[in-house]
Amino acid sequence: MNLPTSDPAVLAAAAAIIAATAAIWLLWTLTKKILEKLLILLLNSLLGLGALLILVYGLKIPIPINPATIIVVGLFGTAGLGALILLTILGIL
């Protein structure tokens, strides 16, 4: 008795559908994780830049605003701002 599932074309089509579904799921999972990490980085950077502006213009802490400090705070967020404050207190910056 020949069942339709024993046809090589049907089996190949089913395997292709399963492989495509797995690939789409993997791509979606990786994209979602990358976007979550980028969102966290963006929020931390914005928080750090906002805090830098408040410290410099509001509290008059003498941290120079130049491309280097913007890059440090942009990449490392509040941790970078903490390092800049520490360097300012120690007189290095």
PDB file of N, CA and C in Angstrom:
ATOM      1  N   MET A   1       0.845  -1.166   0.000  1.00  0.00           N
ATOM      2  CA  MET A   1       0.000   0.000   0.000  1.00  0.00           C
ATOM      3  C   MET A   1       0.893   1.232   0.000  1.00  0.00           C
ATOM      4  N   ASN A   2       0.646   2.139  -0.921  1.00  0.00           N
ATOM      5  CA  ASN A   2       1.421   3.371  -1.022  1.00  0.00           C
ATOM      6  C   ASN A   2       0.689   4.505  -0.316  1.00  0.00           C
ATOM      7  N   LEU A   3       1.259   4.955   0.769  1.00  0.00           N
ATOM      8  CA  LEU A   3       0.691   6.100   1.477  1.00  0.00           C
ATOM      9  C   LEU A   3       1.289   7.383   0.906  1.00  0.00           C
ATOM     10  N   PRO A   4       0.554   8.500   0.960  1.00  0.00           N
ATOM     11  CA  PRO A   4       1.096   9.752   0.423  1.00  0.00           C
ATOM     12  C   PRO A   4       2.343  10.216   1.181  1.00  0.00           C
ATOM     13  N   THR A   5       2.478   9.802   2.433  1.00  0.00           N
ATOM     14  CA  THR A   5       3.633  10.253   3.204  1.00  0.00           C
ATOM     15  C   THR A   5       4.907   9.526   2.818  1.00  0.00           C
ATOM     16  N   SER A   6       4.813   8.465   2.068  1.00  0.00           N
ATOM     17  CA  SER A   6       6.017   7.772   1.637  1.00  0.00           C
ATOM     18  C   SER A   6       6.576   8.367   0.353  1.00  0.00           C
ATOM     19  N   ASP A   7       5.905   9.368  -0.193  1.00  0.00           N
ATOM     20  CA  ASP A   7       6.377  10.041  -1.397  1.00  0.00           C
ATOM     21  C   ASP A   7       7.557  10.942  -1.024  1.00  0.00           C
ATOM     22  N   PRO A   8       8.691  10.820  -1.696  1.00  0.00           N
ATOM     23  CA  PRO A   8       9.862  11.638  -1.358  1.00  0.00           C
ATOM     24  C   PRO A   8       9.609  13.141  -1.496  1.00  0.00           C
ATOM     25  N   ALA A   9       8.780  13.539  -2.422  1.00  0.00           N
ATOM     26  CA  ALA A   9       8.499  14.967  -2.598  1.00  0.00           C
ATOM     27  C   ALA A   9       7.733  15.526  -1.401  1.00  0.00           C
ATOM     28  N   VAL A  10       6.795  14.735  -0.863  1.00  0.00           N
ATOM     29  CA  VAL A  10       6.026  15.177   0.303  1.00  0.00           C
ATOM     30  C   VAL A  10       6.937  15.266   1.524  1.00  0.00           C
ATOM     31  N   LEU A  11       7.812  14.269   1.694  1.00  0.00           N
ATOM     32  CA  LEU A  11       8.744  14.301   2.814  1.00  0.00           C
ATOM     33  C   LEU A  11       9.716  15.474   2.702  1.00  0.00           C
ATOM     34  N   ALA A  12      10.186  15.763   1.507  1.00  0.00           N
ATOM     35  CA  ALA A  12      11.101  16.890   1.308  1.00  0.00           C
ATOM     36  C   ALA A  12      10.403  18.213   1.595  1.00  0.00           C
ATOM     37  N   ALA A  13       9.146  18.335   1.172  1.00  0.00           N
ATOM     38  CA  ALA A  13       8.393  19.563   1.435  1.00  0.00           C
ATOM     39  C   ALA A  13       8.153  19.737   2.931  1.00  0.00           C
ATOM     40  N   ALA A  14       7.831  18.649   3.622  1.00  0.00           N
ATOM     41  CA  ALA A  14       7.619  18.725   5.069  1.00  0.00           C
ATOM     42  C   ALA A  14       8.913  19.102   5.787  1.00  0.00           C
ATOM     43  N   ALA A  15      10.024  18.522   5.361  1.00  0.00           N
ATOM     44  CA  ALA A  15      11.316  18.858   5.967  1.00  0.00           C
ATOM     45  C   ALA A  15      11.674  20.318   5.711  1.00  0.00           C
ATOM     46  N   ALA A  16      11.371  20.817   4.518  1.00  0.00           N
ATOM     47  CA  ALA A  16      11.654  22.215   4.196  1.00  0.00           C
ATOM     48  C   ALA A  16      10.807  23.155   5.042  1.00  0.00           C
ATOM     49  N   ILE A  17       9.556  22.805   5.265  1.00  0.00           N
ATOM     50  CA  ILE A  17       8.675  23.636   6.098  1.00  0.00           C
ATOM     51  C   ILE A  17       9.173  23.652   7.541  1.00  0.00           C
ATOM     52  N   ILE A  18       9.571  22.495   8.048  1.00  0.00           N
ATOM     53  CA  ILE A  18      10.082  22.424   9.421  1.00  0.00           C
ATOM     54  C   ILE A  18      11.379  23.223   9.550  1.00  0.00           C
ATOM     55  N   ALA A  19      12.280  23.094   8.577  1.00  0.00           N
ATOM     56  CA  ALA A  19      13.546  23.829   8.622  1.00  0.00           C
ATOM     57  C   ALA A  19      13.314  25.335   8.529  1.00  0.00           C
ATOM     58  N   ALA A  20      12.393  25.759   7.667  1.00  0.00           N
ATOM     59  CA  ALA A  20      12.095  27.186   7.538  1.00  0.00           C
ATOM     60  C   ALA A  20      11.483  27.733   8.820  1.00  0.00           C
ATOM     61  N   THR A  21      10.602  26.965   9.436  1.00  0.00           N
ATOM     62  CA  THR A  21       9.993  27.392  10.699  1.00  0.00           C
ATOM     63  C   THR A  21      11.052  27.527  11.788  1.00  0.00           C
ATOM     64  N   ALA A  22      11.959  26.574  11.872  1.00  0.00           N
ATOM     65  CA  ALA A  22      13.030  26.638  12.872  1.00  0.00           C
ATOM     66  C   ALA A  22      13.945  27.830  12.615  1.00  0.00           C
ATOM     67  N   ALA A  23      14.255  28.100  11.355  1.00  0.00           N
ATOM     68  CA  ALA A  23      15.118  29.236  11.020  1.00  0.00           C
ATOM     69  C   ALA A  23      14.449  30.559  11.367  1.00  0.00           C
ATOM     70  N   ILE A  24      13.167  30.683  11.082  1.00  0.00           N
ATOM     71  CA  ILE A  24      12.434  31.912  11.412  1.00  0.00           C
ATOM     72  C   ILE A  24      12.376  32.095  12.925  1.00  0.00           C
ATOM     73  N   TRP A  25      12.127  31.021  13.657  1.00  0.00           N
ATOM     74  CA  TRP A  25      12.084  31.113  15.119  1.00  0.00           C
ATOM     75  C   TRP A  25      13.439  31.534  15.677  1.00  0.00           C
ATOM     76  N   LEU A  26      14.524  30.951  15.170  1.00  0.00           N
ATOM     77  CA  LEU A  26      15.866  31.297  15.634  1.00  0.00           C
ATOM     78  C   LEU A  26      16.196  32.752  15.320  1.00  0.00           C
ATOM     79  N   LEU A  27      15.870  33.191  14.123  1.00  0.00           N
ATOM     80  CA  LEU A  27      16.117  34.580  13.732  1.00  0.00           C
ATOM     81  C   LEU A  27      15.327  35.538  14.610  1.00  0.00           C
ATOM     82  N   TRP A  28      14.080  35.227  14.884  1.00  0.00           N
ATOM     83  CA  TRP A  28      13.246  36.078  15.736  1.00  0.00           C
ATOM     84  C   TRP A  28      13.806  36.142  17.156  1.00  0.00           C
ATOM     85  N   THR A  29      14.226  35.008  17.697  1.00  0.00           N
ATOM     86  CA  THR A  29      14.762  34.971  19.054  1.00  0.00           C
ATOM     87  C   THR A  29      16.037  35.805  19.158  1.00  0.00           C
ATOM     88  N   LEU A  30      16.939  35.648  18.205  1.00  0.00           N
ATOM     89  CA  LEU A  30      18.187  36.411  18.234  1.00  0.00           C
ATOM     90  C   LEU A  30      17.931  37.898  18.046  1.00  0.00           C
ATOM     91  N   THR A  31      17.044  38.254  17.132  1.00  0.00           N
ATOM     92  CA  THR A  31      16.731  39.659  16.894  1.00  0.00           C
ATOM     93  C   THR A  31      16.116  40.284  18.134  1.00  0.00           C
ATOM     94  N   LYS A  32      15.232  39.564  18.779  1.00  0.00           N
ATOM     95  CA  LYS A  32      14.582  40.074  19.988  1.00  0.00           C
ATOM     96  C   LYS A  32      15.600  40.321  21.096  1.00  0.00           C
ATOM     97  N   LYS A  33      16.541  39.401  21.282  1.00  0.00           N
ATOM     98  CA  LYS A  33      17.556  39.573  22.319  1.00  0.00           C
ATOM     99  C   LYS A  33      18.473  40.747  21.999  1.00  0.00           C
ATOM    100  N   ILE A  34      18.855  40.895  20.737  1.00  0.00           N
ATOM    101  CA  ILE A  34      19.716  42.006  20.344  1.00  0.00           C
ATOM    102  C   ILE A  34      18.998  43.332  20.552  1.00  0.00           C
ATOM    103  N   LEU A  35      17.735  43.405  20.178  1.00  0.00           N
ATOM    104  CA  LEU A  35      16.980  44.645  20.358  1.00  0.00           C
ATOM    105  C   LEU A  35      16.797  44.982  21.835  1.00  0.00           C
ATOM    106  N   GLU A  36      16.603  43.987  22.680  1.00  0.00           N
ATOM    107  CA  GLU A  36      16.494  44.234  24.119  1.00  0.00           C
ATOM    108  C   GLU A  36      17.791  44.810  24.666  1.00  0.00           C
ATOM    109  N   LYS A  37      18.931  44.247  24.253  1.00  0.00           N
ATOM    110  CA  LYS A  37      20.231  44.754  24.712  1.00  0.00           C
ATOM    111  C   LYS A  37      20.465  46.176  24.211  1.00  0.00           C
ATOM    112  N   LEU A  38      20.101  46.451  22.961  1.00  0.00           N
ATOM    113  CA  LEU A  38      20.270  47.801  22.421  1.00  0.00           C
ATOM    114  C   LEU A  38      19.380  48.803  23.137  1.00  0.00           C
ATOM    115  N   LEU A  39      18.178  48.401  23.504  1.00  0.00           N
ATOM    116  CA  LEU A  39      17.280  49.297  24.231  1.00  0.00           C
ATOM    117  C   LEU A  39      17.842  49.616  25.613  1.00  0.00           C
ATOM    118  N   ILE A  40      18.386  48.623  26.293  1.00  0.00           N
ATOM    119  CA  ILE A  40      18.999  48.850  27.603  1.00  0.00           C
ATOM    120  C   ILE A  40      20.198  49.789  27.466  1.00  0.00           C
ATOM    121  N   LEU A  41      21.027  49.577  26.440  1.00  0.00           N
ATOM    122  CA  LEU A  41      22.178  50.448  26.204  1.00  0.00           C
ATOM    123  C   LEU A  41      21.734  51.874  25.914  1.00  0.00           C
ATOM    124  N   LEU A  42      20.697  52.031  25.106  1.00  0.00           N
ATOM    125  CA  LEU A  42      20.194  53.362  24.770  1.00  0.00           C
ATOM    126  C   LEU A  42      19.654  54.075  26.003  1.00  0.00           C
ATOM    127  N   LEU A  43      18.869  53.386  26.812  1.00  0.00           N
ATOM    128  CA  LEU A  43      18.319  54.006  28.016  1.00  0.00           C
ATOM    129  C   LEU A  43      19.411  54.379  29.012  1.00  0.00           C
ATOM    130  N   ASN A  44      20.397  53.513  29.188  1.00  0.00           N
ATOM    131  CA  ASN A  44      21.503  53.804  30.097  1.00  0.00           C
ATOM    132  C   ASN A  44      22.318  54.993  29.592  1.00  0.00           C
ATOM    133  N   SER A  45      22.528  55.072  28.285  1.00  0.00           N
ATOM    134  CA  SER A  45      23.272  56.188  27.707  1.00  0.00           C
ATOM    135  C   SER A  45      22.522  57.497  27.878  1.00  0.00           C
ATOM    136  N   LEU A  46      21.219  57.480  27.620  1.00  0.00           N
ATOM    137  CA  LEU A  46      20.424  58.703  27.784  1.00  0.00           C
ATOM    138  C   LEU A  46      20.381  59.144  29.243  1.00  0.00           C
ATOM    139  N   LEU A  47      20.266  58.195  30.149  1.00  0.00           N
ATOM    140  CA  LEU A  47      20.277  58.524  31.572  1.00  0.00           C
ATOM    141  C   LEU A  47      21.625  59.123  31.977  1.00  0.00           C
ATOM    142  N   GLY A  48      22.706  58.543  31.492  1.00  0.00           N
ATOM    143  CA  GLY A  48      24.041  59.062  31.802  1.00  0.00           C
ATOM    144  C   GLY A  48      24.269  60.450  31.229  1.00  0.00           C
ATOM    145  N   LEU A  49      23.836  60.673  29.977  1.00  0.00           N
ATOM    146  CA  LEU A  49      24.004  61.996  29.372  1.00  0.00           C
ATOM    147  C   LEU A  49      23.153  63.038  30.081  1.00  0.00           C
ATOM    148  N   GLY A  50      21.945  62.665  30.454  1.00  0.00           N
ATOM    149  CA  GLY A  50      21.090  63.589  31.200  1.00  0.00           C
ATOM    150  C   GLY A  50      21.697  63.941  32.546  1.00  0.00           C
ATOM    151  N   ALA A  51      22.226  62.937  33.228  1.00  0.00           N
ATOM    152  CA  ALA A  51      22.862  63.185  34.525  1.00  0.00           C
ATOM    153  C   ALA A  51      24.117  64.038  34.365  1.00  0.00           C
ATOM    154  N   LEU A  52      24.869  63.825  33.284  1.00  0.00           N
ATOM    155  CA  LEU A  52      26.056  64.649  33.022  1.00  0.00           C
ATOM    156  C   LEU A  52      25.670  66.109  32.842  1.00  0.00           C
ATOM    157  N   LEU A  53      24.636  66.349  32.066  1.00  0.00           N
ATOM    158  CA  LEU A  53      24.197  67.730  31.854  1.00  0.00           C
ATOM    159  C   LEU A  53      23.697  68.360  33.149  1.00  0.00           C
ATOM    160  N   ILE A  54      22.993  67.601  33.961  1.00  0.00           N
ATOM    161  CA  ILE A  54      22.519  68.129  35.247  1.00  0.00           C
ATOM    162  C   ILE A  54      23.703  68.452  36.160  1.00  0.00           C
ATOM    163  N   LEU A  55      24.701  67.572  36.188  1.00  0.00           N
ATOM    164  CA  LEU A  55      25.863  67.818  37.046  1.00  0.00           C
ATOM    165  C   LEU A  55      26.672  69.025  36.579  1.00  0.00           C
ATOM    166  N   VAL A  56      26.846  69.163  35.272  1.00  0.00           N
ATOM    167  CA  VAL A  56      27.683  70.246  34.754  1.00  0.00           C
ATOM    168  C   VAL A  56      26.961  71.581  34.812  1.00  0.00           C
ATOM    169  N   TYR A  57      25.728  71.620  34.320  1.00  0.00           N
ATOM    170  CA  TYR A  57      25.024  72.900  34.234  1.00  0.00           C
ATOM    171  C   TYR A  57      24.173  73.204  35.465  1.00  0.00           C
ATOM    172  N   GLY A  58      23.695  72.194  36.148  1.00  0.00           N
ATOM    173  CA  GLY A  58      22.853  72.417  37.313  1.00  0.00           C
ATOM    174  C   GLY A  58      23.651  72.556  38.591  1.00  0.00           C
ATOM    175  N   LEU A  59      24.535  71.604  38.836  1.00  0.00           N
ATOM    176  CA  LEU A  59      25.314  71.607  40.076  1.00  0.00           C
ATOM    177  C   LEU A  59      26.694  72.238  39.913  1.00  0.00           C
ATOM    178  N   LYS A  60      27.031  72.638  38.702  1.00  0.00           N
ATOM    179  CA  LYS A  60      28.300  73.325  38.393  1.00  0.00           C
ATOM    180  C   LYS A  60      29.530  72.491  38.761  1.00  0.00           C
ATOM    181  N   ILE A  61      29.451  71.192  38.569  1.00  0.00           N
ATOM    182  CA  ILE A  61      30.619  70.335  38.767  1.00  0.00           C
ATOM    183  C   ILE A  61      31.486  70.463  37.516  1.00  0.00           C
ATOM    184  N   PRO A  62      32.778  70.753  37.682  1.00  0.00           N
ATOM    185  CA  PRO A  62      33.614  71.082  36.513  1.00  0.00           C
ATOM    186  C   PRO A  62      34.072  69.867  35.704  1.00  0.00           C
ATOM    187  N   ILE A  63      33.152  69.150  35.138  1.00  0.00           N
ATOM    188  CA  ILE A  63      33.493  68.049  34.235  1.00  0.00           C
ATOM    189  C   ILE A  63      33.469  68.626  32.825  1.00  0.00           C
ATOM    190  N   PRO A  64      34.580  68.539  32.102  1.00  0.00           N
ATOM    191  CA  PRO A  64      34.581  69.105  30.750  1.00  0.00           C
ATOM    192  C   PRO A  64      33.668  68.294  29.824  1.00  0.00           C
ATOM    193  N   ILE A  65      32.901  69.003  29.014  1.00  0.00           N
ATOM    194  CA  ILE A  65      32.072  68.327  28.016  1.00  0.00           C
ATOM    195  C   ILE A  65      32.804  68.431  26.687  1.00  0.00           C
ATOM    196  N   ASN A  66      33.352  67.318  26.256  1.00  0.00           N
ATOM    197  CA  ASN A  66      34.064  67.233  24.981  1.00  0.00           C
ATOM    198  C   ASN A  66      33.729  65.876  24.359  1.00  0.00           C
ATOM    199  N   PRO A  67      34.189  65.618  23.155  1.00  0.00           N
ATOM    200  CA  PRO A  67      33.839  64.332  22.523  1.00  0.00           C
ATOM    201  C   PRO A  67      34.241  63.104  23.345  1.00  0.00           C
ATOM    202  N   ALA A  68      35.357  63.175  24.055  1.00  0.00           N
ATOM    203  CA  ALA A  68      35.796  62.014  24.842  1.00  0.00           C
ATOM    204  C   ALA A  68      34.822  61.719  25.982  1.00  0.00           C
ATOM    205  N   THR A  69      34.397  62.753  26.709  1.00  0.00           N
ATOM    206  CA  THR A  69      33.474  62.510  27.823  1.00  0.00           C
ATOM    207  C   THR A  69      32.101  62.079  27.315  1.00  0.00           C
ATOM    208  N   ILE A  70      31.686  62.632  26.190  1.00  0.00           N
ATOM    209  CA  ILE A  70      30.402  62.224  25.610  1.00  0.00           C
ATOM    210  C   ILE A  70      30.453  60.750  25.194  1.00  0.00           C
ATOM    211  N   ILE A  71      31.567  60.326  24.613  1.00  0.00           N
ATOM    212  CA  ILE A  71      31.703  58.923  24.196  1.00  0.00           C
ATOM    213  C   ILE A  71      31.723  58.005  25.421  1.00  0.00           C
ATOM    214  N   VAL A  72      32.456  58.409  26.464  1.00  0.00           N
ATOM    215  CA  VAL A  72      32.524  57.582  27.681  1.00  0.00           C
ATOM    216  C   VAL A  72      31.141  57.425  28.295  1.00  0.00           C
ATOM    217  N   VAL A  73      30.428  58.539  28.448  1.00  0.00           N
ATOM    218  CA  VAL A  73      29.098  58.468  29.058  1.00  0.00           C
ATOM    219  C   VAL A  73      28.117  57.783  28.109  1.00  0.00           C
ATOM    220  N   GLY A  74      28.268  57.997  26.812  1.00  0.00           N
ATOM    221  CA  GLY A  74      27.380  57.354  25.850  1.00  0.00           C
ATOM    222  C   GLY A  74      27.536  55.844  25.826  1.00  0.00           C
ATOM    223  N   LEU A  75      28.765  55.369  25.941  1.00  0.00           N
ATOM    224  CA  LEU A  75      29.005  53.925  25.906  1.00  0.00           C
ATOM    225  C   LEU A  75      28.754  53.256  27.252  1.00  0.00           C
ATOM    226  N   PHE A  76      29.170  53.906  28.336  1.00  0.00           N
ATOM    227  CA  PHE A  76      29.109  53.263  29.645  1.00  0.00           C
ATOM    228  C   PHE A  76      28.002  53.796  30.541  1.00  0.00           C
ATOM    229  N   GLY A  77      27.295  54.831  30.090  1.00  0.00           N
ATOM    230  CA  GLY A  77      26.150  55.341  30.833  1.00  0.00           C
ATOM    231  C   GLY A  77      26.530  55.894  32.190  1.00  0.00           C
ATOM    232  N   THR A  78      25.754  55.517  33.190  1.00  0.00           N
ATOM    233  CA  THR A  78      25.970  56.057  34.530  1.00  0.00           C
ATOM    234  C   THR A  78      27.285  55.561  35.138  1.00  0.00           C
ATOM    235  N   ALA A  79      27.739  54.388  34.764  1.00  0.00           N
ATOM    236  CA  ALA A  79      29.036  53.907  35.258  1.00  0.00           C
ATOM    237  C   ALA A  79      30.162  54.771  34.699  1.00  0.00           C
ATOM    238  N   GLY A  80      30.063  55.138  33.438  1.00  0.00           N
ATOM    239  CA  GLY A  80      31.051  56.044  32.848  1.00  0.00           C
ATOM    240  C   GLY A  80      31.021  57.409  33.498  1.00  0.00           C
ATOM    241  N   LEU A  81      29.829  57.882  33.817  1.00  0.00           N
ATOM    242  CA  LEU A  81      29.704  59.166  34.509  1.00  0.00           C
ATOM    243  C   LEU A  81      30.340  59.084  35.892  1.00  0.00           C
ATOM    244  N   GLY A  82      30.141  57.979  36.576  1.00  0.00           N
ATOM    245  CA  GLY A  82      30.781  57.796  37.877  1.00  0.00           C
ATOM    246  C   GLY A  82      32.298  57.822  37.768  1.00  0.00           C
ATOM    247  N   ALA A  83      32.828  57.200  36.726  1.00  0.00           N
ATOM    248  CA  ALA A  83      34.276  57.219  36.516  1.00  0.00           C
ATOM    249  C   ALA A  83      34.760  58.638  36.232  1.00  0.00           C
ATOM    250  N   LEU A  84      34.001  59.397  35.445  1.00  0.00           N
ATOM    251  CA  LEU A  84      34.383  60.784  35.157  1.00  0.00           C
ATOM    252  C   LEU A  84      34.349  61.640  36.424  1.00  0.00           C
ATOM    253  N   ILE A  85      33.358  61.426  37.270  1.00  0.00           N
ATOM    254  CA  ILE A  85      33.287  62.169  38.534  1.00  0.00           C
ATOM    255  C   ILE A  85      34.490  61.821  39.406  1.00  0.00           C
ATOM    256  N   LEU A  86      34.829  60.540  39.473  1.00  0.00           N
ATOM    257  CA  LEU A  86      35.980  60.112  40.267  1.00  0.00           C
ATOM    258  C   LEU A  86      37.270  60.725  39.723  1.00  0.00           C
ATOM    259  N   LEU A  87      37.432  60.738  38.408  1.00  0.00           N
ATOM    260  CA  LEU A  87      38.619  61.347  37.808  1.00  0.00           C
ATOM    261  C   LEU A  87      38.669  62.844  38.069  1.00  0.00           C
ATOM    262  N   THR A  88      37.508  63.496  38.086  1.00  0.00           N
ATOM    263  CA  THR A  88      37.460  64.928  38.384  1.00  0.00           C
ATOM    264  C   THR A  88      37.835  65.185  39.842  1.00  0.00           C
ATOM    265  N   ILE A  89      37.327  64.370  40.754  1.00  0.00           N
ATOM    266  CA  ILE A  89      37.643  64.532  42.176  1.00  0.00           C
ATOM    267  C   ILE A  89      39.136  64.313  42.425  1.00  0.00           C
ATOM    268  N   LEU A  90      39.720  63.340  41.734  1.00  0.00           N
ATOM    269  CA  LEU A  90      41.144  63.055  41.907  1.00  0.00           C
ATOM    270  C   LEU A  90      42.038  64.046  41.176  1.00  0.00           C
ATOM    271  N   GLY A  91      41.448  64.931  40.381  1.00  0.00           N
ATOM    272  CA  GLY A  91      42.218  65.942  39.666  1.00  0.00           C
ATOM    273  C   GLY A  91      42.871  65.442  38.396  1.00  0.00           C
ATOM    274  N   ILE A  92      42.485  64.286  37.922  1.00  0.00           N
ATOM    275  CA  ILE A  92      43.071  63.725  36.706  1.00  0.00           C
ATOM    276  C   ILE A  92      42.398  64.287  35.464  1.00  0.00           C
ATOM    277  N   LEU A  93      41.136  64.572  35.556  1.00  0.00           N
ATOM    278  CA  LEU A  93      40.371  65.043  34.397  1.00  0.00           C
ATOM    279  C   LEU A  93      40.237  66.546  34.420  1.00  0.00           C
TER     280      LEU A  93
END
